[in-house]
All heavy atoms as atom14 arrays in JSON, in Angstrom:
{
  "sequence": "ERELVARVTSTGGSTMYADSVKGRFTISRDNSKNTV",
  "atom14_mask": [
    [1, 1, 1, 1, 1, 1, 1, 1, 1, 0, 0, 0, 0, 0],
    [1, 1, 1, 1, 1, 1, 1, 1, 1, 1, 1, 0, 0, 0],
    [1, 1, 1, 1, 1, 1, 1, 1, 1, 0, 0, 0, 0, 0],
    [1, 1, 1, 1, 1, 1, 1, 1, 0, 0, 0, 0, 0, 0],
    [1, 1, 1, 1, 1, 1, 1, 0, 0, 0, 0, 0, 0, 0],
    [1, 1, 1, 1, 1, 0, 0, 0, 0, 0, 0, 0, 0, 0],
    [1, 1, 1, 1, 1, 1, 1, 1, 1, 1, 1, 0, 0, 0],
    [1, 1, 1, 1, 1, 1, 1, 0, 0, 0, 0, 0, 0, 0],
    [1, 1, 1, 1, 1, 1, 1, 0, 0, 0, 0, 0, 0, 0],
    [1, 1, 1, 1, 1, 1, 0, 0, 0, 0, 0, 0, 0, 0],
    [1, 1, 1, 1, 1, 1, 1, 0, 0, 0, 0, 0, 0, 0],
    [1, 1, 1, 1, 0, 0, 0, 0, 0, 0, 0, 0, 0, 0],
    [1, 1, 1, 1, 0, 0, 0, 0, 0, 0, 0, 0, 0, 0],
    [1, 1, 1, 1, 1, 1, 0, 0, 0, 0, 0, 0, 0, 0],
    [1, 1, 1, 1, 1, 1, 1, 0, 0, 0, 0, 0, 0, 0],
    [1, 1, 1, 1, 1, 1, 1, 1, 0, 0, 0, 0, 0, 0],
    [1, 1, 1, 1, 1, 1, 1, 1, 1, 1, 1, 1, 0, 0],
    [1, 1, 1, 1, 1, 0, 0, 0, 0, 0, 0, 0, 0, 0],
    [1, 1, 1, 1, 1, 1, 1, 1, 0, 0, 0, 0, 0, 0],
    [1, 1, 1, 1, 1, 1, 0, 0, 0, 0, 0, 0, 0, 0],
    [1, 1, 1, 1, 1, 1, 1, 0, 0, 0, 0, 0, 0, 0],
    [1, 1, 1, 1, 1, 1, 1, 1, 1, 0, 0, 0, 0, 0],
    [1, 1, 1, 1, 0, 0, 0, 0, 0, 0, 0, 0, 0, 0],
    [1, 1, 1, 1, 1, 1, 1, 1, 1, 1, 1, 0, 0, 0],
    [1, 1, 1, 1, 1, 1, 1, 1, 1, 1, 1, 0, 0, 0],
    [1, 1, 1, 1, 1, 1, 1, 0, 0, 0, 0, 0, 0, 0],
    [1, 1, 1, 1, 1, 1, 1, 1, 0, 0, 0, 0, 0, 0],
    [1, 1, 1, 1, 1, 1, 0, 0, 0, 0, 0, 0, 0, 0],
    [1, 1, 1, 1, 1, 1, 1, 1, 1, 1, 1, 0, 0, 0],
    [1, 1, 1, 1, 1, 1, 1, 1, 0, 0, 0, 0, 0, 0],
    [1, 1, 1, 1, 1, 1, 1, 1, 0, 0, 0, 0, 0, 0],
    [1, 1, 1, 1, 1, 1, 0, 0, 0, 0, 0, 0, 0, 0],
    [1, 1, 1, 1, 1, 1, 1, 1, 1, 0, 0, 0, 0, 0],
    [1, 1, 1, 1, 1, 1, 1, 1, 0, 0, 0, 0, 0, 0],
    [1, 1, 1, 1, 1, 1, 1, 0, 0, 0, 0, 0, 0, 0],
    [1, 1, 1, 1, 1, 1, 1, 0, 0, 0, 0, 0, 0, 0]
  ],
  "atom14_positions": [
    [[0.83, -1.19, 0.0], [0.01, 0.0, 0.0], [0.87, 1.25, 0.0], [2.0, 1.24, 0.48], [-0.91, 0.01, 1.23], [-2.02, -1.03, 1.19], [-3.07, -0.69, 0.17], [-3.6, 0.43, 0.2], [-3.36, -1.55, -0.68], [0.0, 0.0, 0.0], [0.0, 0.0, 0.0], [0.0, 0.0, 0.0], [0.0, 0.0, 0.0], [0.0, 0.0, 0.0]],
    [[0.31, 2.31, -0.55], [0.99, 3.6, -0.5], [1.08, 4.06, 0.96], [0.09, 3.99, 1.71], [0.23, 4.61, -1.34], [0.98, 5.9, -1.58], [0.3, 6.76, -2.64], [0.25, 6.08, -3.93], [-0.18, 6.65, -5.06], [-0.59, 7.89, -5.05], [-0.19, 5.94, -6.18], [0.0, 0.0, 0.0], [0.0, 0.0, 0.0], [0.0, 0.0, 0.0]],
    [[2.25, 4.52, 1.37], [2.46, 4.92, 2.75], [3.03, 6.32, 2.85], [3.8, 6.76, 1.99], [3.39, 3.92, 3.46], [4.8, 3.88, 2.91], [5.74, 3.02, 3.73], [5.42, 2.7, 4.89], [6.81, 2.63, 3.19], [0.0, 0.0, 0.0], [0.0, 0.0, 0.0], [0.0, 0.0, 0.0], [0.0, 0.0, 0.0], [0.0, 0.0, 0.0]],
    [[2.66, 7.0, 3.91], [3.2, 8.33, 4.19], [4.64, 8.21, 4.64], [4.95, 7.46, 5.56], [2.34, 9.01, 5.25], [2.81, 10.4, 5.72], [2.76, 11.4, 4.58], [1.96, 10.87, 6.88], [0.0, 0.0, 0.0], [0.0, 0.0, 0.0], [0.0, 0.0, 0.0], [0.0, 0.0, 0.0], [0.0, 0.0, 0.0], [0.0, 0.0, 0.0]],
    [[5.51, 8.97, 4.01], [6.92, 8.97, 4.33], [7.31, 10.18, 5.18], [8.02, 10.05, 6.18], [7.77, 8.95, 3.06], [9.26, 9.08, 3.38], [7.51, 7.67, 2.28], [0.0, 0.0, 0.0], [0.0, 0.0, 0.0], [0.0, 0.0, 0.0], [0.0, 0.0, 0.0], [0.0, 0.0, 0.0], [0.0, 0.0, 0.0], [0.0, 0.0, 0.0]],
    [[6.86, 11.37, 4.75], [7.23, 12.59, 5.44], [6.22, 13.67, 5.15], [5.56, 13.65, 4.1], [8.63, 13.05, 5.03], [0.0, 0.0, 0.0], [0.0, 0.0, 0.0], [0.0, 0.0, 0.0], [0.0, 0.0, 0.0], [0.0, 0.0, 0.0], [0.0, 0.0, 0.0], [0.0, 0.0, 0.0], [0.0, 0.0, 0.0], [0.0, 0.0, 0.0]],
    [[6.12, 14.64, 6.05], [5.18, 15.74, 5.88], [5.78, 17.01, 6.46], [6.47, 16.98, 7.47], [3.85, 15.4, 6.58], [2.79, 16.48, 6.52], [1.45, 15.89, 6.93], [0.9, 15.06, 5.86], [-0.03, 14.12, 6.04], [-0.5, 13.87, 7.26], [-0.48, 13.44, 5.01], [0.0, 0.0, 0.0], [0.0, 0.0, 0.0], [0.0, 0.0, 0.0]],
    [[5.5, 18.14, 5.82], [5.99, 19.42, 6.29], [4.87, 20.44, 6.23], [4.11, 20.48, 5.26], [7.22, 19.89, 5.48], [6.89, 20.06, 4.0], [7.8, 21.17, 6.05], [0.0, 0.0, 0.0], [0.0, 0.0, 0.0], [0.0, 0.0, 0.0], [0.0, 0.0, 0.0], [0.0, 0.0, 0.0], [0.0, 0.0, 0.0], [0.0, 0.0, 0.0]],
    [[4.76, 21.26, 7.26], [3.69, 22.27, 7.31], [4.02, 23.41, 6.38], [5.1, 23.5, 5.79], [3.53, 22.79, 8.74], [4.78, 23.27, 9.24], [3.02, 21.69, 9.65], [0.0, 0.0, 0.0], [0.0, 0.0, 0.0], [0.0, 0.0, 0.0], [0.0, 0.0, 0.0], [0.0, 0.0, 0.0], [0.0, 0.0, 0.0], [0.0, 0.0, 0.0]],
    [[3.08, 24.34, 6.25], [3.17, 25.37, 5.22], [4.39, 26.26, 5.34], [4.96, 26.66, 4.32], [1.89, 26.23, 5.22], [1.71, 26.83, 6.5], [0.0, 0.0, 0.0], [0.0, 0.0, 0.0], [0.0, 0.0, 0.0], [0.0, 0.0, 0.0], [0.0, 0.0, 0.0], [0.0, 0.0, 0.0], [0.0, 0.0, 0.0], [0.0, 0.0, 0.0]],
    [[4.79, 26.54, 6.57], [5.93, 27.41, 6.79], [7.24, 26.63, 6.88], [8.31, 27.25, 6.95], [5.78, 28.24, 8.06], [5.75, 27.37, 9.2], [4.49, 29.04, 8.02], [0.0, 0.0, 0.0], [0.0, 0.0, 0.0], [0.0, 0.0, 0.0], [0.0, 0.0, 0.0], [0.0, 0.0, 0.0], [0.0, 0.0, 0.0], [0.0, 0.0, 0.0]],
    [[7.16, 25.33, 6.92], [8.33, 24.51, 7.11], [8.74, 24.37, 8.55], [9.79, 23.76, 8.86], [0.0, 0.0, 0.0], [0.0, 0.0, 0.0], [0.0, 0.0, 0.0], [0.0, 0.0, 0.0], [0.0, 0.0, 0.0], [0.0, 0.0, 0.0], [0.0, 0.0, 0.0], [0.0, 0.0, 0.0], [0.0, 0.0, 0.0], [0.0, 0.0, 0.0]],
    [[7.92, 24.87, 9.46], [8.27, 24.88, 10.87], [8.08, 23.57, 11.6], [8.58, 23.4, 12.71], [0.0, 0.0, 0.0], [0.0, 0.0, 0.0], [0.0, 0.0, 0.0], [0.0, 0.0, 0.0], [0.0, 0.0, 0.0], [0.0, 0.0, 0.0], [0.0, 0.0, 0.0], [0.0, 0.0, 0.0], [0.0, 0.0, 0.0], [0.0, 0.0, 0.0]],
    [[7.35, 22.65, 10.99], [7.07, 21.38, 11.64], [7.16, 20.28, 10.6], [6.62, 20.42, 9.49], [5.69, 21.39, 12.29], [5.43, 20.17, 12.93], [0.0, 0.0, 0.0], [0.0, 0.0, 0.0], [0.0, 0.0, 0.0], [0.0, 0.0, 0.0], [0.0, 0.0, 0.0], [0.0, 0.0, 0.0], [0.0, 0.0, 0.0], [0.0, 0.0, 0.0]],
    [[7.82, 19.19, 10.96], [7.93, 18.03, 10.07], [7.61, 16.76, 10.84], [7.68, 16.71, 12.05], [9.36, 17.91, 9.51], [10.3, 17.8, 10.59], [9.72, 19.14, 8.67], [0.0, 0.0, 0.0], [0.0, 0.0, 0.0], [0.0, 0.0, 0.0], [0.0, 0.0, 0.0], [0.0, 0.0, 0.0], [0.0, 0.0, 0.0], [0.0, 0.0, 0.0]],
    [[7.25, 15.74, 10.07], [7.05, 14.42, 10.65], [7.54, 13.38, 9.66], [7.57, 13.63, 8.46], [5.58, 14.17, 11.01], [4.61, 14.16, 9.84], [4.48, 12.51, 9.06], [3.73, 11.58, 10.37], [0.0, 0.0, 0.0], [0.0, 0.0, 0.0], [0.0, 0.0, 0.0], [0.0, 0.0, 0.0], [0.0, 0.0, 0.0], [0.0, 0.0, 0.0]],
    [[7.93, 12.21, 10.2], [8.52, 11.15, 9.38], [7.99, 9.81, 9.82], [7.72, 9.58, 10.99], [10.03, 11.15, 9.49], [10.69, 12.42, 9.06], [10.95, 13.43, 9.96], [11.05, 12.61, 7.73], [11.55, 14.63, 9.56], [11.65, 13.79, 7.31], [11.9, 14.79, 8.24], [12.49, 15.96, 7.83], [0.0, 0.0, 0.0], [0.0, 0.0, 0.0]],
    [[7.89, 8.91, 8.86], [7.64, 7.52, 9.19], [8.82, 6.98, 9.98], [9.97, 7.36, 9.75], [7.41, 6.71, 7.92], [0.0, 0.0, 0.0], [0.0, 0.0, 0.0], [0.0, 0.0, 0.0], [0.0, 0.0, 0.0], [0.0, 0.0, 0.0], [0.0, 0.0, 0.0], [0.0, 0.0, 0.0], [0.0, 0.0, 0.0], [0.0, 0.0, 0.0]],
    [[8.55, 6.06, 10.89], [9.61, 5.48, 11.71], [10.71, 4.86, 10.84], [11.89, 4.91, 11.2], [9.04, 4.44, 12.66], [8.24, 5.03, 13.78], [8.37, 6.24, 14.05], [7.47, 4.28, 14.42], [0.0, 0.0, 0.0], [0.0, 0.0, 0.0], [0.0, 0.0, 0.0], [0.0, 0.0, 0.0], [0.0, 0.0, 0.0], [0.0, 0.0, 0.0]],
    [[10.33, 4.3, 9.72], [11.29, 3.61, 8.89], [12.33, 4.51, 8.24], [13.37, 4.03, 7.79], [10.56, 2.83, 7.79], [9.78, 3.69, 6.99], [0.0, 0.0, 0.0], [0.0, 0.0, 0.0], [0.0, 0.0, 0.0], [0.0, 0.0, 0.0], [0.0, 0.0, 0.0], [0.0, 0.0, 0.0], [0.0, 0.0, 0.0], [0.0, 0.0, 0.0]],
    [[12.07, 5.82, 8.21], [13.0, 6.73, 7.53], [13.58, 7.77, 8.47], [14.43, 8.58, 8.05], [12.34, 7.42, 6.33], [11.74, 6.4, 5.39], [11.28, 8.44, 6.78], [0.0, 0.0, 0.0], [0.0, 0.0, 0.0], [0.0, 0.0, 0.0], [0.0, 0.0, 0.0], [0.0, 0.0, 0.0], [0.0, 0.0, 0.0], [0.0, 0.0, 0.0]],
    [[13.14, 7.8, 9.7], [13.65, 8.8, 10.67], [15.16, 8.7, 10.78], [15.71, 7.61, 10.92], [13.0, 8.62, 12.02], [11.58, 9.1, 12.1], [11.0, 8.91, 13.5], [9.56, 9.4, 13.56], [8.96, 9.14, 14.9], [0.0, 0.0, 0.0], [0.0, 0.0, 0.0], [0.0, 0.0, 0.0], [0.0, 0.0, 0.0], [0.0, 0.0, 0.0]],
    [[15.81, 9.85, 10.75], [17.27, 9.9, 10.85], [17.96, 9.75, 9.52], [19.18, 9.97, 9.45], [0.0, 0.0, 0.0], [0.0, 0.0, 0.0], [0.0, 0.0, 0.0], [0.0, 0.0, 0.0], [0.0, 0.0, 0.0], [0.0, 0.0, 0.0], [0.0, 0.0, 0.0], [0.0, 0.0, 0.0], [0.0, 0.0, 0.0], [0.0, 0.0, 0.0]],
    [[17.23, 9.34, 8.49], [17.83, 9.16, 7.17], [17.27, 10.13, 6.12], [18.0, 10.55, 5.24], [17.61, 7.74, 6.68], [18.24, 6.69, 7.58], [18.16, 5.3, 6.95], [16.8, 4.86, 6.73], [16.28, 4.57, 5.54], [17.04, 4.66, 4.44], [15.02, 4.15, 5.44], [0.0, 0.0, 0.0], [0.0, 0.0, 0.0], [0.0, 0.0, 0.0]],
    [[15.99, 10.44, 6.23], [15.33, 11.31, 5.26], [15.04, 12.67, 5.88], [14.77, 12.78, 7.09], [14.0, 10.72, 4.8], [14.1, 9.49, 3.93], [15.3, 8.81, 3.76], [12.96, 9.03, 3.27], [15.37, 7.68, 2.95], [13.03, 7.91, 2.47], [14.23, 7.24, 2.31], [0.0, 0.0, 0.0], [0.0, 0.0, 0.0], [0.0, 0.0, 0.0]],
    [[15.06, 13.72, 5.05], [14.72, 15.05, 5.49], [13.81, 15.71, 4.47], [14.16, 15.8, 3.29], [15.98, 15.92, 5.68], [16.87, 15.3, 6.61], [15.59, 17.31, 6.21], [0.0, 0.0, 0.0], [0.0, 0.0, 0.0], [0.0, 0.0, 0.0], [0.0, 0.0, 0.0], [0.0, 0.0, 0.0], [0.0, 0.0, 0.0], [0.0, 0.0, 0.0]],
    [[12.65, 16.17, 4.92], [11.76, 16.91, 4.06], [11.96, 18.4, 4.29], [12.18, 18.84, 5.41], [10.27, 16.51, 4.3], [9.36, 17.14, 3.24], [9.82, 16.87, 5.71], [7.93, 16.61, 3.27], [0.0, 0.0, 0.0], [0.0, 0.0, 0.0], [0.0, 0.0, 0.0], [0.0, 0.0, 0.0], [0.0, 0.0, 0.0], [0.0, 0.0, 0.0]],
    [[11.91, 19.17, 3.22], [12.04, 20.6, 3.32], [11.26, 21.25, 2.18], [10.8, 20.58, 1.26], [13.51, 21.03, 3.28], [14.11, 20.65, 2.05], [0.0, 0.0, 0.0], [0.0, 0.0, 0.0], [0.0, 0.0, 0.0], [0.0, 0.0, 0.0], [0.0, 0.0, 0.0], [0.0, 0.0, 0.0], [0.0, 0.0, 0.0], [0.0, 0.0, 0.0]],
    [[11.12, 22.56, 2.25], [10.4, 23.27, 1.21], [10.98, 24.64, 0.99], [11.58, 25.24, 1.9], [8.9, 23.37, 1.55], [8.59, 24.25, 2.75], [7.15, 24.05, 3.21], [6.2, 24.47, 2.2], [4.94, 24.04, 2.12], [4.49, 23.15, 3.0], [4.14, 24.49, 1.17], [0.0, 0.0, 0.0], [0.0, 0.0, 0.0], [0.0, 0.0, 0.0]],
    [[10.83, 25.13, -0.22], [11.22, 26.48, -0.57], [9.99, 27.15, -1.15], [9.64, 26.93, -2.31], [12.37, 26.47, -1.58], [12.91, 27.87, -1.85], [12.2, 28.85, -1.6], [14.06, 27.96, -2.33], [0.0, 0.0, 0.0], [0.0, 0.0, 0.0], [0.0, 0.0, 0.0], [0.0, 0.0, 0.0], [0.0, 0.0, 0.0], [0.0, 0.0, 0.0]],
    [[9.31, 27.94, -0.33], [8.05, 28.54, -0.76], [8.26, 29.57, -1.87], [7.32, 29.82, -2.65], [7.33, 29.18, 0.42], [6.69, 28.15, 1.33], [6.56, 26.97, 0.96], [6.28, 28.56, 2.52], [0.0, 0.0, 0.0], [0.0, 0.0, 0.0], [0.0, 0.0, 0.0], [0.0, 0.0, 0.0], [0.0, 0.0, 0.0], [0.0, 0.0, 0.0]],
    [[9.43, 30.14, -1.97], [9.71, 31.08, -3.06], [9.82, 30.37, -4.39], [9.66, 31.01, -5.44], [10.98, 31.86, -2.77], [12.13, 31.06, -2.89], [0.0, 0.0, 0.0], [0.0, 0.0, 0.0], [0.0, 0.0, 0.0], [0.0, 0.0, 0.0], [0.0, 0.0, 0.0], [0.0, 0.0, 0.0], [0.0, 0.0, 0.0], [0.0, 0.0, 0.0]],
    [[10.08, 29.07, -4.37], [10.2, 28.27, -5.59], [9.05, 27.31, -5.79], [9.05, 26.55, -6.76], [11.51, 27.5, -5.58], [12.76, 28.36, -5.57], [14.01, 27.52, -5.58], [15.26, 28.38, -5.6], [16.5, 27.54, -5.6], [0.0, 0.0, 0.0], [0.0, 0.0, 0.0], [0.0, 0.0, 0.0], [0.0, 0.0, 0.0], [0.0, 0.0, 0.0]],
    [[8.08, 27.32, -4.88], [6.94, 26.39, -4.96], [7.43, 24.94, -5.1], [6.91, 24.19, -5.92], [6.02, 26.75, -6.11], [5.17, 27.98, -5.83], [5.33, 28.65, -4.8], [4.26, 28.29, -6.72], [0.0, 0.0, 0.0], [0.0, 0.0, 0.0], [0.0, 0.0, 0.0], [0.0, 0.0, 0.0], [0.0, 0.0, 0.0], [0.0, 0.0, 0.0]],
    [[8.38, 24.59, -4.29], [9.01, 23.27, -4.4], [9.19, 22.65, -3.03], [9.59, 23.33, -2.07], [10.36, 23.36, -5.11], [10.19, 23.93, -6.41], [10.99, 21.98, -5.26], [0.0, 0.0, 0.0], [0.0, 0.0, 0.0], [0.0, 0.0, 0.0], [0.0, 0.0, 0.0], [0.0, 0.0, 0.0], [0.0, 0.0, 0.0], [0.0, 0.0, 0.0]],
    [[8.9, 21.36, -2.95], [9.17, 20.59, -1.75], [10.19, 19.52, -2.1], [10.19, 18.98, -3.22], [7.87, 19.97, -1.16], [7.22, 19.0, -2.14], [8.16, 19.29, 0.16], [0.0, 0.0, 0.0], [0.0, 0.0, 0.0], [0.0, 0.0, 0.0], [0.0, 0.0, 0.0], [0.0, 0.0, 0.0], [0.0, 0.0, 0.0], [0.0, 0.0, 0.0]]
  ]
}
């Protein structure tokens, strides 16, 4: 099944990760570039 890996709030101030990727993956965003 499709699973949630990571999530970031609109300002980038809060992130969450699946246990399987914590410490290895990092989600980020650049709102000036409309890119996550």
